N, C-alpha and C. Protein backbone atom coordinates (compact mmCIF):
# COMPACT_ATOMS: atom_id res chain seq x y z
N MET A 1 -54.09 -41.42 -74.56
CA MET A 1 -54.00 -39.98 -74.43
C MET A 1 -52.90 -39.63 -73.44
N GLU A 2 -52.07 -38.69 -73.80
CA GLU A 2 -50.96 -38.28 -72.93
C GLU A 2 -51.49 -37.53 -71.71
N PRO A 3 -51.10 -37.94 -70.50
CA PRO A 3 -51.57 -37.21 -69.31
C PRO A 3 -51.11 -35.76 -69.33
N PHE A 4 -51.91 -34.90 -68.74
CA PHE A 4 -51.55 -33.49 -68.59
C PHE A 4 -51.48 -33.20 -67.10
N VAL A 5 -50.28 -32.90 -66.61
CA VAL A 5 -50.11 -32.55 -65.19
C VAL A 5 -49.58 -31.12 -65.11
N THR A 6 -48.32 -30.94 -65.47
CA THR A 6 -47.75 -29.59 -65.54
C THR A 6 -47.08 -29.41 -66.89
N LEU A 7 -47.02 -28.17 -67.32
CA LEU A 7 -46.42 -27.86 -68.62
C LEU A 7 -45.78 -26.48 -68.54
N THR A 8 -44.50 -26.41 -68.90
CA THR A 8 -43.83 -25.13 -69.09
C THR A 8 -43.43 -25.08 -70.55
N ALA A 9 -43.93 -24.09 -71.27
CA ALA A 9 -43.73 -24.07 -72.72
C ALA A 9 -43.87 -22.67 -73.27
N VAL A 10 -43.31 -22.49 -74.47
CA VAL A 10 -43.51 -21.26 -75.22
C VAL A 10 -45.00 -21.07 -75.50
N ALA A 11 -45.47 -19.85 -75.33
CA ALA A 11 -46.87 -19.52 -75.61
C ALA A 11 -46.92 -18.53 -76.76
N VAL A 12 -47.83 -18.77 -77.69
CA VAL A 12 -47.97 -17.91 -78.86
C VAL A 12 -49.30 -17.15 -78.78
N PRO A 13 -49.28 -15.83 -78.95
CA PRO A 13 -50.51 -15.05 -78.89
C PRO A 13 -51.21 -14.99 -80.24
N LEU A 14 -52.53 -14.99 -80.21
CA LEU A 14 -53.31 -14.90 -81.44
C LEU A 14 -54.45 -13.91 -81.20
N ASP A 15 -54.29 -12.70 -81.73
CA ASP A 15 -55.24 -11.61 -81.50
C ASP A 15 -56.39 -11.64 -82.50
N ILE A 16 -57.09 -12.75 -82.59
CA ILE A 16 -58.23 -12.86 -83.49
C ILE A 16 -59.39 -13.46 -82.69
N ALA A 17 -60.51 -12.75 -82.66
CA ALA A 17 -61.69 -13.27 -81.97
C ALA A 17 -62.48 -14.18 -82.90
N ASN A 18 -63.30 -15.02 -82.30
CA ASN A 18 -64.25 -15.87 -83.04
C ASN A 18 -63.56 -16.81 -84.04
N ILE A 19 -62.43 -17.35 -83.66
CA ILE A 19 -61.78 -18.37 -84.50
C ILE A 19 -62.70 -19.59 -84.53
N ASP A 20 -63.16 -19.96 -85.72
CA ASP A 20 -64.06 -21.10 -85.79
C ASP A 20 -63.31 -22.37 -86.22
N THR A 21 -64.03 -23.47 -86.17
CA THR A 21 -63.38 -24.76 -86.44
C THR A 21 -62.95 -24.90 -87.89
N ASP A 22 -63.59 -24.16 -88.79
CA ASP A 22 -63.17 -24.22 -90.20
C ASP A 22 -61.88 -23.45 -90.41
N GLN A 23 -61.63 -22.43 -89.59
CA GLN A 23 -60.34 -21.74 -89.65
C GLN A 23 -59.24 -22.63 -89.07
N LEU A 24 -59.57 -23.33 -88.01
CA LEU A 24 -58.59 -24.23 -87.40
C LEU A 24 -58.23 -25.37 -88.34
N LEU A 25 -59.25 -25.96 -88.96
CA LEU A 25 -59.03 -27.06 -89.90
C LEU A 25 -60.07 -26.94 -91.03
N PRO A 26 -59.69 -26.39 -92.18
CA PRO A 26 -60.63 -26.25 -93.29
C PRO A 26 -61.28 -27.59 -93.66
N ALA A 27 -62.56 -27.53 -93.98
CA ALA A 27 -63.37 -28.74 -94.19
C ALA A 27 -62.78 -29.69 -95.22
N ARG A 28 -62.11 -29.15 -96.24
CA ARG A 28 -61.61 -30.03 -97.31
C ARG A 28 -60.57 -31.02 -96.82
N PHE A 29 -59.96 -30.76 -95.66
CA PHE A 29 -58.94 -31.67 -95.14
C PHE A 29 -59.53 -32.80 -94.30
N LEU A 30 -60.82 -32.72 -94.01
CA LEU A 30 -61.45 -33.75 -93.18
C LEU A 30 -61.50 -35.10 -93.88
N LYS A 31 -61.41 -35.10 -95.21
CA LYS A 31 -61.46 -36.38 -95.93
C LYS A 31 -60.14 -37.14 -95.84
N LYS A 32 -59.11 -36.47 -95.34
CA LYS A 32 -57.81 -37.13 -95.20
C LYS A 32 -57.77 -37.92 -93.89
N PRO A 33 -57.04 -39.03 -93.88
CA PRO A 33 -56.89 -39.76 -92.62
C PRO A 33 -56.04 -38.96 -91.65
N ARG A 34 -56.29 -39.17 -90.36
CA ARG A 34 -55.51 -38.42 -89.37
C ARG A 34 -54.02 -38.74 -89.49
N SER A 35 -53.71 -39.92 -89.98
CA SER A 35 -52.30 -40.30 -90.15
C SER A 35 -51.57 -39.38 -91.14
N ALA A 36 -52.34 -38.60 -91.92
CA ALA A 36 -51.72 -37.63 -92.83
C ALA A 36 -51.08 -36.48 -92.06
N GLY A 37 -51.40 -36.39 -90.76
CA GLY A 37 -50.83 -35.33 -89.94
C GLY A 37 -51.67 -34.07 -89.98
N TYR A 38 -52.75 -34.04 -89.19
CA TYR A 38 -53.64 -32.90 -89.19
C TYR A 38 -52.94 -31.61 -88.77
N GLY A 39 -51.85 -31.73 -88.05
CA GLY A 39 -51.08 -30.55 -87.67
C GLY A 39 -50.58 -29.78 -88.88
N ASN A 40 -50.40 -30.48 -90.00
CA ASN A 40 -49.95 -29.82 -91.24
C ASN A 40 -51.01 -28.89 -91.81
N PHE A 41 -52.27 -29.08 -91.40
CA PHE A 41 -53.37 -28.30 -91.96
C PHE A 41 -53.88 -27.24 -90.98
N LEU A 42 -53.29 -27.16 -89.80
CA LEU A 42 -53.73 -26.22 -88.78
C LEU A 42 -53.64 -24.77 -89.29
N PHE A 43 -54.75 -24.06 -89.24
CA PHE A 43 -54.82 -22.67 -89.71
C PHE A 43 -54.35 -22.54 -91.16
N HIS A 44 -54.57 -23.56 -91.96
CA HIS A 44 -54.04 -23.60 -93.31
C HIS A 44 -54.33 -22.34 -94.12
N ASP A 45 -55.58 -21.87 -94.07
CA ASP A 45 -55.97 -20.73 -94.90
C ASP A 45 -55.72 -19.39 -94.24
N GLU A 46 -55.28 -19.39 -93.00
CA GLU A 46 -55.04 -18.14 -92.27
C GLU A 46 -53.57 -17.72 -92.32
N ARG A 47 -52.72 -18.58 -92.82
CA ARG A 47 -51.27 -18.34 -92.72
C ARG A 47 -50.78 -17.37 -93.78
N LYS A 48 -51.16 -16.12 -93.58
CA LYS A 48 -50.65 -15.04 -94.42
C LYS A 48 -49.34 -14.53 -93.80
N PRO A 49 -48.57 -13.72 -94.52
CA PRO A 49 -47.33 -13.18 -93.94
C PRO A 49 -47.60 -12.48 -92.60
N GLY A 50 -46.78 -12.79 -91.63
CA GLY A 50 -46.94 -12.21 -90.30
C GLY A 50 -47.80 -13.01 -89.36
N PHE A 51 -48.33 -14.15 -89.81
CA PHE A 51 -49.16 -14.97 -88.93
C PHE A 51 -48.30 -15.49 -87.78
N PRO A 52 -48.73 -15.30 -86.52
CA PRO A 52 -47.87 -15.61 -85.37
C PRO A 52 -47.32 -17.03 -85.32
N LEU A 53 -48.11 -18.01 -85.74
CA LEU A 53 -47.63 -19.39 -85.65
C LEU A 53 -46.45 -19.66 -86.59
N ASP A 54 -46.24 -18.79 -87.56
CA ASP A 54 -45.11 -18.97 -88.49
C ASP A 54 -43.88 -18.17 -88.07
N ASP A 55 -43.99 -17.42 -86.99
CA ASP A 55 -42.85 -16.63 -86.50
C ASP A 55 -41.86 -17.56 -85.81
N PRO A 56 -40.61 -17.61 -86.27
CA PRO A 56 -39.62 -18.50 -85.65
C PRO A 56 -39.45 -18.28 -84.15
N ALA A 57 -39.76 -17.09 -83.68
CA ALA A 57 -39.62 -16.80 -82.25
C ALA A 57 -40.56 -17.66 -81.40
N TYR A 58 -41.65 -18.10 -82.01
CA TYR A 58 -42.62 -18.92 -81.28
C TYR A 58 -42.49 -20.41 -81.63
N ALA A 59 -41.41 -20.78 -82.25
CA ALA A 59 -41.21 -22.18 -82.65
C ALA A 59 -41.35 -23.11 -81.45
N GLY A 60 -42.04 -24.19 -81.67
CA GLY A 60 -42.22 -25.18 -80.60
C GLY A 60 -43.26 -24.79 -79.57
N ALA A 61 -44.04 -23.75 -79.84
CA ALA A 61 -45.07 -23.33 -78.89
C ALA A 61 -46.04 -24.48 -78.62
N ARG A 62 -46.40 -24.64 -77.34
CA ARG A 62 -47.35 -25.67 -76.96
C ARG A 62 -48.60 -25.09 -76.30
N VAL A 63 -48.54 -23.76 -76.10
CA VAL A 63 -49.67 -23.05 -75.50
C VAL A 63 -50.09 -21.95 -76.47
N LEU A 64 -51.39 -21.87 -76.76
CA LEU A 64 -51.94 -20.84 -77.63
C LEU A 64 -52.81 -19.92 -76.78
N VAL A 65 -52.50 -18.63 -76.83
CA VAL A 65 -53.27 -17.65 -76.06
C VAL A 65 -54.11 -16.87 -77.06
N ALA A 66 -55.42 -17.11 -77.04
CA ALA A 66 -56.31 -16.63 -78.09
C ALA A 66 -57.28 -15.58 -77.55
N ASP A 67 -58.18 -15.14 -78.43
CA ASP A 67 -59.20 -14.17 -78.05
C ASP A 67 -60.52 -14.92 -77.80
N ARG A 68 -61.56 -14.16 -77.58
CA ARG A 68 -62.84 -14.74 -77.15
C ARG A 68 -63.48 -15.64 -78.21
N ASN A 69 -64.34 -16.55 -77.72
CA ASN A 69 -65.15 -17.44 -78.56
C ASN A 69 -64.28 -18.32 -79.47
N PHE A 70 -63.20 -18.83 -78.92
CA PHE A 70 -62.30 -19.69 -79.68
C PHE A 70 -62.95 -21.05 -79.90
N GLY A 71 -62.86 -21.56 -81.14
CA GLY A 71 -63.41 -22.88 -81.45
C GLY A 71 -64.90 -22.88 -81.66
N CYS A 72 -65.46 -21.75 -82.05
CA CYS A 72 -66.89 -21.70 -82.33
C CYS A 72 -67.16 -22.39 -83.68
N GLY A 73 -68.41 -22.44 -84.06
CA GLY A 73 -68.73 -23.04 -85.36
C GLY A 73 -69.14 -24.49 -85.26
N SER A 74 -68.90 -25.22 -86.34
CA SER A 74 -69.38 -26.60 -86.43
C SER A 74 -68.68 -27.51 -85.44
N SER A 75 -69.34 -28.62 -85.12
CA SER A 75 -68.80 -29.58 -84.16
C SER A 75 -67.79 -30.48 -84.87
N ARG A 76 -66.61 -29.95 -85.06
CA ARG A 76 -65.57 -30.62 -85.86
C ARG A 76 -64.42 -31.05 -84.96
N GLU A 77 -64.42 -32.33 -84.56
CA GLU A 77 -63.35 -32.81 -83.69
C GLU A 77 -61.99 -32.71 -84.36
N GLY A 78 -61.97 -32.73 -85.70
CA GLY A 78 -60.72 -32.58 -86.43
C GLY A 78 -59.99 -31.30 -86.09
N ALA A 79 -60.73 -30.25 -85.69
CA ALA A 79 -60.08 -29.00 -85.30
C ALA A 79 -59.20 -29.21 -84.08
N VAL A 80 -59.68 -30.03 -83.15
CA VAL A 80 -58.87 -30.37 -81.97
C VAL A 80 -57.69 -31.24 -82.39
N TYR A 81 -57.94 -32.22 -83.28
CA TYR A 81 -56.83 -33.05 -83.77
C TYR A 81 -55.72 -32.18 -84.35
N ALA A 82 -56.10 -31.16 -85.13
CA ALA A 82 -55.10 -30.31 -85.77
C ALA A 82 -54.24 -29.59 -84.74
N LEU A 83 -54.86 -29.09 -83.68
CA LEU A 83 -54.09 -28.43 -82.62
C LEU A 83 -53.17 -29.40 -81.90
N VAL A 84 -53.72 -30.55 -81.52
CA VAL A 84 -52.93 -31.56 -80.80
C VAL A 84 -51.79 -32.07 -81.68
N ASP A 85 -52.10 -32.39 -82.94
CA ASP A 85 -51.07 -32.89 -83.85
C ASP A 85 -50.05 -31.80 -84.17
N GLY A 86 -50.46 -30.54 -84.02
CA GLY A 86 -49.55 -29.42 -84.22
C GLY A 86 -48.69 -29.12 -83.01
N GLY A 87 -48.84 -29.93 -81.95
CA GLY A 87 -47.98 -29.79 -80.77
C GLY A 87 -48.60 -29.05 -79.60
N PHE A 88 -49.82 -28.56 -79.75
CA PHE A 88 -50.43 -27.78 -78.67
C PHE A 88 -51.05 -28.68 -77.62
N ARG A 89 -50.86 -28.30 -76.35
CA ARG A 89 -51.47 -29.01 -75.22
C ARG A 89 -52.46 -28.14 -74.47
N CYS A 90 -52.44 -26.83 -74.74
CA CYS A 90 -53.28 -25.92 -73.97
C CYS A 90 -53.66 -24.71 -74.81
N VAL A 91 -54.92 -24.29 -74.69
CA VAL A 91 -55.39 -23.05 -75.29
C VAL A 91 -55.99 -22.20 -74.17
N VAL A 92 -55.58 -20.95 -74.12
CA VAL A 92 -56.09 -20.00 -73.12
C VAL A 92 -56.92 -18.96 -73.86
N ALA A 93 -58.13 -18.69 -73.39
CA ALA A 93 -58.99 -17.71 -74.04
C ALA A 93 -60.05 -17.25 -73.04
N PRO A 94 -60.70 -16.11 -73.34
CA PRO A 94 -61.79 -15.67 -72.46
C PRO A 94 -63.04 -16.54 -72.55
N SER A 95 -63.23 -17.20 -73.69
CA SER A 95 -64.38 -18.10 -73.86
C SER A 95 -64.12 -19.04 -75.03
N PHE A 96 -64.85 -20.15 -75.02
CA PHE A 96 -64.70 -21.20 -76.03
C PHE A 96 -66.06 -21.64 -76.55
N GLY A 97 -66.06 -22.16 -77.77
CA GLY A 97 -67.23 -22.87 -78.24
C GLY A 97 -67.43 -24.11 -77.37
N ASP A 98 -68.67 -24.36 -76.96
CA ASP A 98 -68.94 -25.46 -76.01
C ASP A 98 -68.50 -26.82 -76.55
N ILE A 99 -68.84 -27.10 -77.81
CA ILE A 99 -68.51 -28.41 -78.37
C ILE A 99 -67.00 -28.54 -78.53
N PHE A 100 -66.35 -27.48 -78.96
CA PHE A 100 -64.90 -27.51 -79.09
C PHE A 100 -64.26 -27.84 -77.74
N ALA A 101 -64.69 -27.17 -76.67
CA ALA A 101 -64.10 -27.40 -75.35
C ALA A 101 -64.31 -28.84 -74.89
N ALA A 102 -65.48 -29.40 -75.17
CA ALA A 102 -65.74 -30.79 -74.80
C ALA A 102 -64.83 -31.74 -75.59
N ASN A 103 -64.71 -31.50 -76.90
CA ASN A 103 -63.83 -32.32 -77.73
C ASN A 103 -62.37 -32.20 -77.29
N ALA A 104 -61.98 -31.00 -76.90
CA ALA A 104 -60.59 -30.77 -76.47
C ALA A 104 -60.24 -31.66 -75.29
N ALA A 105 -61.08 -31.66 -74.27
CA ALA A 105 -60.80 -32.44 -73.07
C ALA A 105 -60.69 -33.92 -73.38
N LYS A 106 -61.45 -34.40 -74.36
CA LYS A 106 -61.44 -35.83 -74.70
C LYS A 106 -60.22 -36.22 -75.51
N ASN A 107 -59.43 -35.22 -75.91
CA ASN A 107 -58.25 -35.48 -76.73
C ASN A 107 -56.96 -34.95 -76.09
N GLY A 108 -57.02 -34.66 -74.81
CA GLY A 108 -55.81 -34.25 -74.09
C GLY A 108 -55.42 -32.80 -74.25
N LEU A 109 -56.32 -31.96 -74.77
CA LEU A 109 -56.05 -30.53 -74.94
C LEU A 109 -56.78 -29.76 -73.84
N LEU A 110 -56.02 -29.09 -73.00
CA LEU A 110 -56.59 -28.32 -71.89
C LEU A 110 -57.05 -26.95 -72.39
N THR A 111 -58.28 -26.58 -72.09
CA THR A 111 -58.78 -25.24 -72.38
C THR A 111 -58.89 -24.49 -71.06
N ILE A 112 -58.25 -23.33 -71.00
CA ILE A 112 -58.27 -22.50 -69.79
C ILE A 112 -59.03 -21.22 -70.10
N THR A 113 -60.07 -20.96 -69.33
CA THR A 113 -60.85 -19.74 -69.47
C THR A 113 -60.44 -18.75 -68.39
N LEU A 114 -60.02 -17.58 -68.82
CA LEU A 114 -59.63 -16.50 -67.91
C LEU A 114 -60.36 -15.23 -68.33
N PRO A 115 -60.45 -14.24 -67.44
CA PRO A 115 -61.13 -12.99 -67.80
C PRO A 115 -60.50 -12.33 -69.03
N ASP A 116 -61.33 -11.65 -69.78
CA ASP A 116 -60.91 -11.01 -71.03
C ASP A 116 -59.69 -10.13 -70.84
N ASP A 117 -59.69 -9.30 -69.79
CA ASP A 117 -58.56 -8.37 -69.60
C ASP A 117 -57.28 -9.11 -69.25
N ALA A 118 -57.38 -10.20 -68.51
CA ALA A 118 -56.20 -10.98 -68.16
C ALA A 118 -55.60 -11.65 -69.38
N VAL A 119 -56.45 -12.18 -70.26
CA VAL A 119 -55.97 -12.84 -71.48
C VAL A 119 -55.36 -11.80 -72.43
N ALA A 120 -56.00 -10.64 -72.55
CA ALA A 120 -55.47 -9.59 -73.42
C ALA A 120 -54.11 -9.12 -72.92
N ALA A 121 -53.96 -8.98 -71.60
CA ALA A 121 -52.67 -8.56 -71.03
C ALA A 121 -51.60 -9.62 -71.29
N LEU A 122 -51.98 -10.89 -71.19
CA LEU A 122 -51.02 -11.96 -71.44
C LEU A 122 -50.59 -11.97 -72.90
N ARG A 123 -51.54 -11.77 -73.82
CA ARG A 123 -51.16 -11.70 -75.23
C ARG A 123 -50.19 -10.55 -75.49
N ARG A 124 -50.47 -9.38 -74.90
CA ARG A 124 -49.56 -8.24 -75.09
C ARG A 124 -48.17 -8.55 -74.55
N ARG A 125 -48.11 -9.22 -73.42
CA ARG A 125 -46.81 -9.57 -72.81
C ARG A 125 -46.05 -10.53 -73.73
N LEU A 126 -46.73 -11.47 -74.32
CA LEU A 126 -46.10 -12.44 -75.22
C LEU A 126 -45.66 -11.78 -76.52
N GLN A 127 -46.40 -10.78 -76.96
CA GLN A 127 -46.01 -10.05 -78.17
C GLN A 127 -44.76 -9.19 -77.93
N ARG A 128 -44.64 -8.65 -76.72
CA ARG A 128 -43.46 -7.84 -76.40
C ARG A 128 -42.19 -8.68 -76.29
N THR A 129 -42.36 -9.94 -75.85
CA THR A 129 -41.21 -10.83 -75.66
C THR A 129 -41.49 -12.17 -76.33
N PRO A 130 -41.42 -12.23 -77.66
CA PRO A 130 -41.69 -13.49 -78.36
C PRO A 130 -40.78 -14.60 -77.87
N GLY A 131 -41.36 -15.75 -77.65
CA GLY A 131 -40.60 -16.90 -77.16
C GLY A 131 -40.68 -17.07 -75.66
N ALA A 132 -41.38 -16.15 -74.97
CA ALA A 132 -41.53 -16.28 -73.52
C ALA A 132 -42.37 -17.51 -73.19
N THR A 133 -42.16 -18.05 -72.01
CA THR A 133 -42.86 -19.26 -71.60
C THR A 133 -43.87 -18.98 -70.49
N VAL A 134 -44.85 -19.85 -70.41
CA VAL A 134 -45.80 -19.86 -69.30
C VAL A 134 -45.76 -21.26 -68.68
N THR A 135 -46.22 -21.36 -67.46
CA THR A 135 -46.31 -22.66 -66.79
C THR A 135 -47.76 -22.92 -66.38
N VAL A 136 -48.25 -24.09 -66.77
CA VAL A 136 -49.60 -24.51 -66.40
C VAL A 136 -49.48 -25.66 -65.42
N ASP A 137 -50.11 -25.52 -64.27
CA ASP A 137 -50.15 -26.56 -63.25
C ASP A 137 -51.61 -26.97 -63.10
N LEU A 138 -51.96 -28.08 -63.73
CA LEU A 138 -53.36 -28.49 -63.71
C LEU A 138 -53.83 -28.92 -62.33
N PRO A 139 -53.08 -29.73 -61.57
CA PRO A 139 -53.57 -30.07 -60.23
C PRO A 139 -53.84 -28.84 -59.37
N ALA A 140 -52.98 -27.82 -59.47
CA ALA A 140 -53.17 -26.59 -58.69
C ALA A 140 -54.13 -25.61 -59.35
N GLN A 141 -54.46 -25.87 -60.63
CA GLN A 141 -55.34 -25.01 -61.42
C GLN A 141 -54.80 -23.58 -61.50
N THR A 142 -53.53 -23.48 -61.89
CA THR A 142 -52.90 -22.17 -62.02
C THR A 142 -52.13 -22.08 -63.33
N LEU A 143 -52.06 -20.86 -63.86
CA LEU A 143 -51.20 -20.53 -64.98
C LEU A 143 -50.27 -19.43 -64.49
N THR A 144 -48.96 -19.63 -64.65
CA THR A 144 -47.98 -18.63 -64.25
C THR A 144 -47.46 -17.95 -65.50
N ASP A 145 -47.61 -16.62 -65.56
CA ASP A 145 -47.23 -15.89 -66.76
C ASP A 145 -45.72 -15.65 -66.79
N PRO A 146 -45.18 -15.09 -67.87
CA PRO A 146 -43.73 -14.91 -67.97
C PRO A 146 -43.13 -14.02 -66.89
N ASP A 147 -43.95 -13.18 -66.25
CA ASP A 147 -43.47 -12.30 -65.19
C ASP A 147 -43.59 -12.93 -63.81
N GLY A 148 -44.11 -14.15 -63.75
CA GLY A 148 -44.26 -14.83 -62.47
C GLY A 148 -45.60 -14.64 -61.80
N ALA A 149 -46.50 -13.88 -62.42
CA ALA A 149 -47.83 -13.72 -61.84
C ALA A 149 -48.61 -15.01 -61.98
N VAL A 150 -49.29 -15.40 -60.93
CA VAL A 150 -50.04 -16.66 -60.91
C VAL A 150 -51.53 -16.36 -61.12
N LEU A 151 -52.09 -16.97 -62.16
CA LEU A 151 -53.50 -16.77 -62.50
C LEU A 151 -54.26 -18.06 -62.24
N PRO A 152 -55.15 -18.08 -61.25
CA PRO A 152 -55.95 -19.30 -61.01
C PRO A 152 -57.04 -19.44 -62.06
N PHE A 153 -57.40 -20.68 -62.36
CA PHE A 153 -58.49 -20.94 -63.29
C PHE A 153 -59.37 -22.06 -62.77
N ALA A 154 -60.60 -22.06 -63.22
CA ALA A 154 -61.56 -23.10 -62.84
C ALA A 154 -61.64 -24.14 -63.94
N ILE A 155 -61.96 -25.37 -63.55
CA ILE A 155 -62.14 -26.45 -64.52
C ILE A 155 -63.09 -27.48 -63.93
N ASP A 156 -63.91 -28.07 -64.76
CA ASP A 156 -64.80 -29.13 -64.33
C ASP A 156 -63.97 -30.28 -63.74
N PRO A 157 -64.31 -30.76 -62.55
CA PRO A 157 -63.50 -31.82 -61.90
C PRO A 157 -63.37 -33.08 -62.74
N PHE A 158 -64.43 -33.46 -63.46
CA PHE A 158 -64.38 -34.66 -64.30
C PHE A 158 -63.36 -34.49 -65.41
N LYS A 159 -63.38 -33.33 -66.08
CA LYS A 159 -62.39 -33.06 -67.13
C LYS A 159 -60.98 -33.05 -66.56
N LYS A 160 -60.83 -32.40 -65.41
CA LYS A 160 -59.52 -32.31 -64.77
C LYS A 160 -58.95 -33.69 -64.49
N ASP A 161 -59.75 -34.55 -63.86
CA ASP A 161 -59.28 -35.90 -63.51
C ASP A 161 -58.89 -36.69 -64.76
N GLY A 162 -59.71 -36.59 -65.82
CA GLY A 162 -59.42 -37.31 -67.05
C GLY A 162 -58.14 -36.85 -67.70
N LEU A 163 -57.91 -35.53 -67.72
CA LEU A 163 -56.69 -34.99 -68.32
C LEU A 163 -55.46 -35.41 -67.52
N ILE A 164 -55.52 -35.31 -66.20
CA ILE A 164 -54.37 -35.68 -65.37
C ILE A 164 -54.03 -37.15 -65.54
N ALA A 165 -55.07 -37.99 -65.60
CA ALA A 165 -54.84 -39.44 -65.72
C ALA A 165 -54.57 -39.86 -67.16
N GLY A 166 -54.85 -38.97 -68.11
CA GLY A 166 -54.67 -39.34 -69.52
C GLY A 166 -55.70 -40.33 -70.00
N LEU A 167 -56.94 -40.16 -69.53
CA LEU A 167 -58.01 -41.11 -69.87
C LEU A 167 -59.05 -40.45 -70.76
N ASP A 168 -59.23 -40.98 -71.97
CA ASP A 168 -60.33 -40.54 -72.81
C ASP A 168 -61.57 -41.38 -72.48
N ASP A 169 -62.66 -41.17 -73.22
CA ASP A 169 -63.91 -41.87 -72.89
C ASP A 169 -63.79 -43.39 -72.99
N VAL A 170 -63.04 -43.86 -73.98
CA VAL A 170 -62.87 -45.31 -74.14
C VAL A 170 -62.07 -45.88 -72.96
N ALA A 171 -60.98 -45.20 -72.60
CA ALA A 171 -60.16 -45.67 -71.47
C ALA A 171 -60.95 -45.65 -70.17
N LEU A 172 -61.78 -44.63 -69.98
CA LEU A 172 -62.62 -44.57 -68.78
C LEU A 172 -63.58 -45.76 -68.74
N THR A 173 -64.17 -46.09 -69.89
CA THR A 173 -65.08 -47.23 -69.95
C THR A 173 -64.35 -48.53 -69.65
N LEU A 174 -63.16 -48.68 -70.21
CA LEU A 174 -62.40 -49.92 -70.02
C LEU A 174 -61.95 -50.12 -68.57
N GLN A 175 -61.95 -49.06 -67.78
CA GLN A 175 -61.65 -49.23 -66.35
C GLN A 175 -62.72 -50.07 -65.66
N GLN A 176 -63.90 -50.15 -66.29
CA GLN A 176 -64.99 -50.93 -65.73
C GLN A 176 -65.12 -52.31 -66.41
N GLN A 177 -64.02 -52.79 -67.02
CA GLN A 177 -64.09 -54.03 -67.79
C GLN A 177 -64.57 -55.21 -66.97
N ASP A 178 -64.11 -55.34 -65.72
CA ASP A 178 -64.54 -56.46 -64.88
C ASP A 178 -66.05 -56.43 -64.65
N ALA A 179 -66.58 -55.23 -64.37
CA ALA A 179 -68.02 -55.10 -64.14
C ALA A 179 -68.80 -55.36 -65.42
N ILE A 180 -68.27 -54.93 -66.54
CA ILE A 180 -68.92 -55.18 -67.83
C ILE A 180 -68.97 -56.68 -68.12
N ASP A 181 -67.84 -57.36 -67.90
CA ASP A 181 -67.79 -58.81 -68.13
C ASP A 181 -68.75 -59.55 -67.21
N ALA A 182 -68.82 -59.13 -65.94
CA ALA A 182 -69.72 -59.78 -64.98
C ALA A 182 -71.18 -59.59 -65.40
N PHE A 183 -71.51 -58.39 -65.87
CA PHE A 183 -72.88 -58.14 -66.34
C PHE A 183 -73.20 -59.03 -67.54
N ASP A 184 -72.25 -59.12 -68.49
CA ASP A 184 -72.48 -59.94 -69.68
C ASP A 184 -72.73 -61.40 -69.31
N ARG A 185 -71.94 -61.91 -68.36
CA ARG A 185 -72.12 -63.31 -67.95
C ARG A 185 -73.49 -63.51 -67.29
N ALA A 186 -73.84 -62.60 -66.37
CA ALA A 186 -75.12 -62.73 -65.66
C ALA A 186 -76.29 -62.58 -66.63
N ASP A 187 -76.16 -61.65 -67.57
CA ASP A 187 -77.24 -61.44 -68.53
C ASP A 187 -77.39 -62.64 -69.46
N ALA A 188 -76.26 -63.24 -69.85
CA ALA A 188 -76.31 -64.42 -70.72
C ALA A 188 -77.00 -65.59 -70.02
N GLU A 189 -76.82 -65.70 -68.71
CA GLU A 189 -77.49 -66.76 -67.96
C GLU A 189 -78.98 -66.46 -67.79
N ALA A 190 -79.29 -65.21 -67.48
CA ALA A 190 -80.68 -64.84 -67.22
C ALA A 190 -81.52 -64.84 -68.50
N ARG A 191 -80.90 -64.48 -69.61
CA ARG A 191 -81.64 -64.41 -70.88
C ARG A 191 -80.90 -65.24 -71.93
N HIS A 192 -80.74 -66.51 -71.63
CA HIS A 192 -79.95 -67.41 -72.48
C HIS A 192 -80.48 -67.52 -73.90
N TRP A 193 -81.77 -67.27 -74.08
CA TRP A 193 -82.36 -67.38 -75.39
C TRP A 193 -81.86 -66.28 -76.36
N LEU A 194 -81.24 -65.21 -75.79
CA LEU A 194 -80.73 -64.14 -76.64
C LEU A 194 -79.31 -64.39 -77.12
N VAL A 195 -78.65 -65.36 -76.49
CA VAL A 195 -77.25 -65.62 -76.83
C VAL A 195 -77.20 -66.61 -77.98
N PRO A 196 -76.51 -66.25 -79.09
CA PRO A 196 -76.44 -67.17 -80.22
C PRO A 196 -75.81 -68.50 -79.81
N ALA A 197 -76.33 -69.57 -80.39
CA ALA A 197 -75.79 -70.89 -80.13
C ALA A 197 -74.39 -71.00 -80.72
N GLY A 198 -73.54 -71.78 -80.09
CA GLY A 198 -72.16 -71.97 -80.57
C GLY A 198 -72.15 -72.78 -81.86
N PRO A 199 -70.97 -72.91 -82.49
CA PRO A 199 -70.87 -73.66 -83.76
C PRO A 199 -71.19 -75.13 -83.56
């Protein structure tokens, strides 16, 4: 997983509340391997004329500024894959679906929760100046808007540390490999009857 420390990037506004995981990644694409490029299916059925992600002014956006209850619906980790594979590293919204937010952190996608009025103001600012950038500083827990205003945000310390270090659950477990190996050896000696005999 790519570490997340600081990011300065184009931010794209999305004025739609209650974006669910099926809108992010329609269920029919879940049968495809991730190597097919889940980013190709991101918002597949929502991309009508005028959809912000298709506006050339927001090309290369890595930050999505959304409305409330983003990522609600079914517990579909593929929705996070689609955002990450589509180039996004951060989603800003007034609230998130709990499972979506947990899946996001495990895949290197930072979710920032800010007050509703602050997020709405940021979306309006981005709409007035398409292509404007924001800066996210995860160690400092701040988002700097295009006008230079600094917005602090809260984040669970465990999620923060994992994102900064670029460690998913498997990598975190493997940090304890020596202790795991020592336990296996001690357990094999203590309960030798459970260990299959060699060839």
